[in-house]
Each structure stands twice: as C-alpha cells, then as structure tokens.
Amino acid sequence: MSAIRQSIDVDRSPEDVYAYVTDPPRMPEWQLSAVSAERLEEGPFGVGSRVRVTRHVGRRTIPMIMEVTEYDPPHSWGMRGVDGPVRARVHGEIEPVDEGRRSHVTIDIDLEGHGLGKVLVPLVMRPQVRKELPRNERILKDRLEHLGQ
C-alpha cells in the first residue's frame, strides 16, 4: 500500500518547525496517539538515534522503538519502527515559503505489519493514521504559530 501523505502551511520558519518536530519529548504535544517519547541515548541527535515512543493503538498503550533514518536540518527527517507488530516509516519535508518566513510541511507515513500486525495494519492502524495525521498537522500548526507569543 502507499504511504499516507498530508501537508500544511505553517507561519514559522523552516528552522523553527524542524527544531520542534524533531524534538522527541515534544511529540505528545502535537501527535494525538503519542503518550510519551524519550531518547534512548545521550549525545547529538541524528541518523541512528533511537527514540522510545509510547502510543495509544486502538484501546491499548504500546511502546515502540523508532530509529532516525534521515536528519537534514531544516529540510527533511525520517524515522522507522524497529520492533513490534506494526512498524511505521515516517518521512517529513519542510519547504521554505515567503523567503523562509513560512513553511510548507509534508509528512508521509507508511505502515508495515509483522505477525499480528499484518491484520492490525489494514483494520486498525491505517484508518487511525488517516484520521489522525491531518489533525496532528493542524495541532502542529497551532502550537508553532502560538509559541513565544
């Protein structure tokens, strides 16, 4: 199946948007299913860094490990799930608008099922992500446009 893609314009610079979306502890602030997110190691954040994200999946709360696969500030980032029955692949891009005063943010999410996840992906996860991603981007926009005001 193809990735679920959603875009939104944000009245903040690409640098501001990038710093916010790639800061793991902020994930629960703008992602509805995220309960918590924490880095698993010290040091600089970038390709190879791992993050434990705990999410509401249906009626359950499930921890999963995500690994950063792409880190190109302030343009793009990527992460992939490395464990669990459902593993997400996330790719985000930020394009400058209005000479860098605003940003066009696009997020792609693809899901891969393993074991029981092969049933969960089409029945539970894809519908949840389709519904949640546009709401997440609206929350992201609202948060970023009202930070520091």
C-alpha atoms as a PDB file:
ATOM      1  CA  MET A   1       0.000   0.000   0.000  1.00  0.00           C
ATOM      2  CA  SER A   2       1.061   3.573  -0.492  1.00  0.00           C
ATOM      3  CA  ALA A   3       2.094   5.993   2.213  1.00  0.00           C
ATOM      4  CA  ILE A   4      -0.426   8.291   3.852  1.00  0.00           C
ATOM      5  CA  ARG A   5       0.577  11.868   2.976  1.00  0.00           C
ATOM      6  CA  GLN A   6      -0.545  15.150   4.484  1.00  0.00           C
ATOM      7  CA  SER A   7       0.706  18.733   4.060  1.00  0.00           C
ATOM      8  CA  ILE A   8       0.092  22.028   5.812  1.00  0.00           C
ATOM      9  CA  ASP A   9       1.478  25.569   5.737  1.00  0.00           C
ATOM     10  CA  VAL A  10       2.849  26.975   8.998  1.00  0.00           C
ATOM     11  CA  ASP A  11       3.602  30.610   9.735  1.00  0.00           C
ATOM     12  CA  ARG A  12       7.051  29.861  11.179  1.00  0.00           C
ATOM     13  CA  SER A  13      10.493  29.484   9.640  1.00  0.00           C
ATOM     14  CA  PRO A  14      11.723  26.062   8.484  1.00  0.00           C
ATOM     15  CA  GLU A  15      14.340  26.171  11.263  1.00  0.00           C
ATOM     16  CA  ASP A  16      11.666  26.677  13.945  1.00  0.00           C
ATOM     17  CA  VAL A  17       9.442  23.941  12.510  1.00  0.00           C
ATOM     18  CA  TYR A  18      12.339  21.488  12.166  1.00  0.00           C
ATOM     19  CA  ALA A  19      13.560  22.057  15.727  1.00  0.00           C
ATOM     20  CA  TYR A  20      10.066  21.369  17.060  1.00  0.00           C
ATOM     21  CA  VAL A  21       9.107  18.290  15.007  1.00  0.00           C
ATOM     22  CA  THR A  22      12.446  16.539  15.587  1.00  0.00           C
ATOM     23  CA  ASP A  23      12.441  17.081  19.385  1.00  0.00           C
ATOM     24  CA  PRO A  24      11.189  13.720  20.740  1.00  0.00           C
ATOM     25  CA  PRO A  25       9.755  14.939  24.083  1.00  0.00           C
ATOM     26  CA  ARG A  26       7.501  17.332  22.119  1.00  0.00           C
ATOM     27  CA  MET A  27       5.843  14.504  20.116  1.00  0.00           C
ATOM     28  CA  PRO A  28       2.928  14.133  22.578  1.00  0.00           C
ATOM     29  CA  GLU A  29       2.255  17.881  22.280  1.00  0.00           C
ATOM     30  CA  TRP A  30       1.237  17.564  18.612  1.00  0.00           C
ATOM     31  CA  GLN A  31       0.643  13.851  17.930  1.00  0.00           C
ATOM     32  CA  LEU A  32      -2.701  12.654  19.298  1.00  0.00           C
ATOM     33  CA  SER A  33      -1.732   8.986  19.741  1.00  0.00           C
ATOM     34  CA  ALA A  34       1.658   9.720  21.366  1.00  0.00           C
ATOM     35  CA  VAL A  35       1.616   9.298  25.133  1.00  0.00           C
ATOM     36  CA  SER A  36       5.359   9.842  25.631  1.00  0.00           C
ATOM     37  CA  ALA A  37       8.621   9.908  23.703  1.00  0.00           C
ATOM     38  CA  GLU A  38      12.170   9.749  25.011  1.00  0.00           C
ATOM     39  CA  ARG A  39      15.627   9.466  23.529  1.00  0.00           C
ATOM     40  CA  LEU A  40      17.394   6.229  24.381  1.00  0.00           C
ATOM     41  CA  GLU A  41      20.944   7.556  24.309  1.00  0.00           C
ATOM     42  CA  GLU A  42      22.946  10.659  25.116  1.00  0.00           C
ATOM     43  CA  GLY A  43      24.852  12.776  22.616  1.00  0.00           C
ATOM     44  CA  PRO A  44      23.935  14.515  19.394  1.00  0.00           C
ATOM     45  CA  PHE A  45      20.592  13.656  17.820  1.00  0.00           C
ATOM     46  CA  GLY A  46      20.774  12.416  14.226  1.00  0.00           C
ATOM     47  CA  VAL A  47      20.832   9.376  11.955  1.00  0.00           C
ATOM     48  CA  GLY A  48      20.976   6.235  14.089  1.00  0.00           C
ATOM     49  CA  SER A  49      19.476   7.867  17.198  1.00  0.00           C
ATOM     50  CA  ARG A  50      16.734   5.835  18.818  1.00  0.00           C
ATOM     51  CA  VAL A  51      13.543   7.020  20.476  1.00  0.00           C
ATOM     52  CA  ARG A  52      11.053   5.057  22.585  1.00  0.00           C
ATOM     53  CA  VAL A  53       7.566   6.257  21.674  1.00  0.00           C
ATOM     54  CA  THR A  54       4.556   5.046  23.643  1.00  0.00           C
ATOM     55  CA  ARG A  55       1.299   5.332  21.662  1.00  0.00           C
ATOM     56  CA  HIS A  56      -2.383   4.648  22.036  1.00  0.00           C
ATOM     57  CA  VAL A  57      -3.177   1.986  19.439  1.00  0.00           C
ATOM     58  CA  GLY A  58      -6.848   1.201  19.487  1.00  0.00           C
ATOM     59  CA  ARG A  59      -7.605   0.574  23.154  1.00  0.00           C
ATOM     60  CA  ARG A  60      -4.039  -0.339  24.086  1.00  0.00           C
ATOM     61  CA  THR A  61      -0.954   1.661  25.011  1.00  0.00           C
ATOM     62  CA  ILE A  62       2.093   0.256  23.232  1.00  0.00           C
ATOM     63  CA  PRO A  63       5.770   1.259  23.473  1.00  0.00           C
ATOM     64  CA  MET A  64       7.801   1.061  20.277  1.00  0.00           C
ATOM     65  CA  ILE A  65      11.357   1.918  19.282  1.00  0.00           C
ATOM     66  CA  MET A  66      11.905   4.311  16.367  1.00  0.00           C
ATOM     67  CA  GLU A  67      15.275   4.904  14.715  1.00  0.00           C
ATOM     68  CA  VAL A  68      16.213   8.099  12.909  1.00  0.00           C
ATOM     69  CA  THR A  69      16.984   7.250   9.272  1.00  0.00           C
ATOM     70  CA  GLU A  70      17.296  10.760   7.852  1.00  0.00           C
ATOM     71  CA  TYR A  71      18.297  14.032   9.521  1.00  0.00           C
ATOM     72  CA  ASP A  72      18.857  17.025   7.243  1.00  0.00           C
ATOM     73  CA  PRO A  73      18.036  20.260   9.109  1.00  0.00           C
ATOM     74  CA  PRO A  74      15.931  22.209   8.277  1.00  0.00           C
ATOM     75  CA  HIS A  75      14.779  20.287   5.197  1.00  0.00           C
ATOM     76  CA  SER A  76      13.853  16.671   5.964  1.00  0.00           C
ATOM     77  CA  TRP A  77      13.796  13.920   8.547  1.00  0.00           C
ATOM     78  CA  GLY A  78      12.910  10.252   8.633  1.00  0.00           C
ATOM     79  CA  MET A  79      12.276   7.547  11.202  1.00  0.00           C
ATOM     80  CA  ARG A  80      11.407   3.854  11.107  1.00  0.00           C
ATOM     81  CA  GLY A  81       9.998   1.452  13.636  1.00  0.00           C
ATOM     82  CA  VAL A  82      12.420  -1.316  14.566  1.00  0.00           C
ATOM     83  CA  ASP A  83      10.239  -3.507  16.792  1.00  0.00           C
ATOM     84  CA  GLY A  84       6.664  -4.522  17.460  1.00  0.00           C
ATOM     85  CA  PRO A  85       3.891  -5.889  15.278  1.00  0.00           C
ATOM     86  CA  VAL A  86       3.327  -2.570  13.480  1.00  0.00           C
ATOM     87  CA  ARG A  87       6.336  -0.603  12.242  1.00  0.00           C
ATOM     88  CA  ALA A  88       5.925   2.869  10.847  1.00  0.00           C
ATOM     89  CA  ARG A  89       8.154   4.557   8.305  1.00  0.00           C
ATOM     90  CA  VAL A  90       7.890   8.332   8.584  1.00  0.00           C
ATOM     91  CA  HIS A  91       9.335  10.898   6.199  1.00  0.00           C
ATOM     92  CA  GLY A  92       8.922  14.622   6.687  1.00  0.00           C
ATOM     93  CA  GLU A  93       9.876  17.544   4.475  1.00  0.00           C
ATOM     94  CA  ILE A  94       9.864  21.269   5.132  1.00  0.00           C
ATOM     95  CA  GLU A  95       9.937  23.709   2.237  1.00  0.00           C
ATOM     96  CA  PRO A  96      10.502  27.432   2.806  1.00  0.00           C
ATOM     97  CA  VAL A  97       7.676  29.758   1.731  1.00  0.00           C
ATOM     98  CA  ASP A  98       7.707  33.571   1.544  1.00  0.00           C
ATOM     99  CA  GLU A  99      11.514  33.772   1.583  1.00  0.00           C
ATOM    100  CA  GLY A 100      11.732  31.483   4.616  1.00  0.00           C
ATOM    101  CA  ARG A 101       9.226  33.309   6.814  1.00  0.00           C
ATOM    102  CA  ARG A 102       6.742  30.433   6.479  1.00  0.00           C
ATOM    103  CA  SER A 103       6.998  26.682   5.919  1.00  0.00           C
ATOM    104  CA  HIS A 104       5.202  24.044   3.857  1.00  0.00           C
ATOM    105  CA  VAL A 105       5.325  20.822   5.906  1.00  0.00           C
ATOM    106  CA  THR A 106       4.645  17.403   4.352  1.00  0.00           C
ATOM    107  CA  ILE A 107       4.567  14.186   6.360  1.00  0.00           C
ATOM    108  CA  ASP A 108       4.376  10.687   4.820  1.00  0.00           C
ATOM    109  CA  ILE A 109       3.625   7.650   6.962  1.00  0.00           C
ATOM    110  CA  ASP A 110       3.740   4.068   5.747  1.00  0.00           C
ATOM    111  CA  LEU A 111       2.980   1.059   7.921  1.00  0.00           C
ATOM    112  CA  GLU A 112       4.345  -2.470   7.846  1.00  0.00           C
ATOM    113  CA  GLY A 113       2.774  -5.333   9.756  1.00  0.00           C
ATOM    114  CA  HIS A 114       4.646  -8.249  11.339  1.00  0.00           C
ATOM    115  CA  GLY A 115       2.790 -11.244  12.808  1.00  0.00           C
ATOM    116  CA  LEU A 116      -0.480  -9.951  14.280  1.00  0.00           C
ATOM    117  CA  GLY A 117       0.415  -6.561  12.768  1.00  0.00           C
ATOM    118  CA  LYS A 118      -0.466  -7.898   9.320  1.00  0.00           C
ATOM    119  CA  VAL A 119      -4.084  -7.877  10.480  1.00  0.00           C
ATOM    120  CA  LEU A 120      -3.831  -4.688  12.553  1.00  0.00           C
ATOM    121  CA  VAL A 121      -2.385  -2.513   9.779  1.00  0.00           C
ATOM    122  CA  PRO A 122      -5.369  -2.580   7.387  1.00  0.00           C
ATOM    123  CA  LEU A 123      -8.099  -2.933  10.027  1.00  0.00           C
ATOM    124  CA  VAL A 124      -6.902  -0.570  12.778  1.00  0.00           C
ATOM    125  CA  MET A 125      -3.686   1.299  12.038  1.00  0.00           C
ATOM    126  CA  ARG A 126      -4.188   2.708   8.526  1.00  0.00           C
ATOM    127  CA  PRO A 127      -7.652   4.083   9.381  1.00  0.00           C
ATOM    128  CA  GLN A 128      -6.285   5.550  12.635  1.00  0.00           C
ATOM    129  CA  VAL A 129      -3.346   7.231  10.851  1.00  0.00           C
ATOM    130  CA  ARG A 130      -5.586   8.535   8.025  1.00  0.00           C
ATOM    131  CA  LYS A 131      -7.835  10.166  10.598  1.00  0.00           C
ATOM    132  CA  GLU A 132      -5.090  11.361  12.944  1.00  0.00           C
ATOM    133  CA  LEU A 133      -2.443  12.781  10.573  1.00  0.00           C
ATOM    134  CA  PRO A 134      -4.477  15.806   9.361  1.00  0.00           C
ATOM    135  CA  ARG A 135      -5.454  16.562  12.976  1.00  0.00           C
ATOM    136  CA  ASN A 136      -1.823  16.245  14.078  1.00  0.00           C
ATOM    137  CA  GLU A 137      -0.717  18.716  11.432  1.00  0.00           C
ATOM    138  CA  ARG A 138      -3.387  21.217  12.492  1.00  0.00           C
ATOM    139  CA  ILE A 139      -2.203  20.874  16.111  1.00  0.00           C
ATOM    140  CA  LEU A 140       1.416  21.300  14.938  1.00  0.00           C
ATOM    141  CA  LYS A 141       0.454  24.478  13.059  1.00  0.00           C
ATOM    142  CA  ASP A 142      -1.459  25.872  16.045  1.00  0.00           C
ATOM    143  CA  ARG A 143       1.345  25.080  18.510  1.00  0.00           C
ATOM    144  CA  LEU A 144       4.087  26.566  16.365  1.00  0.00           C
ATOM    145  CA  GLU A 145       2.165  29.689  15.407  1.00  0.00           C
ATOM    146  CA  HIS A 146       1.393  30.436  19.046  1.00  0.00           C
ATOM    147  CA  LEU A 147       4.766  29.549  20.635  1.00  0.00           C
ATOM    148  CA  GLY A 148       6.515  32.564  22.088  1.00  0.00           C
ATOM    149  CA  GLN A 149       3.574  34.935  21.601  1.00  0.00           C
END
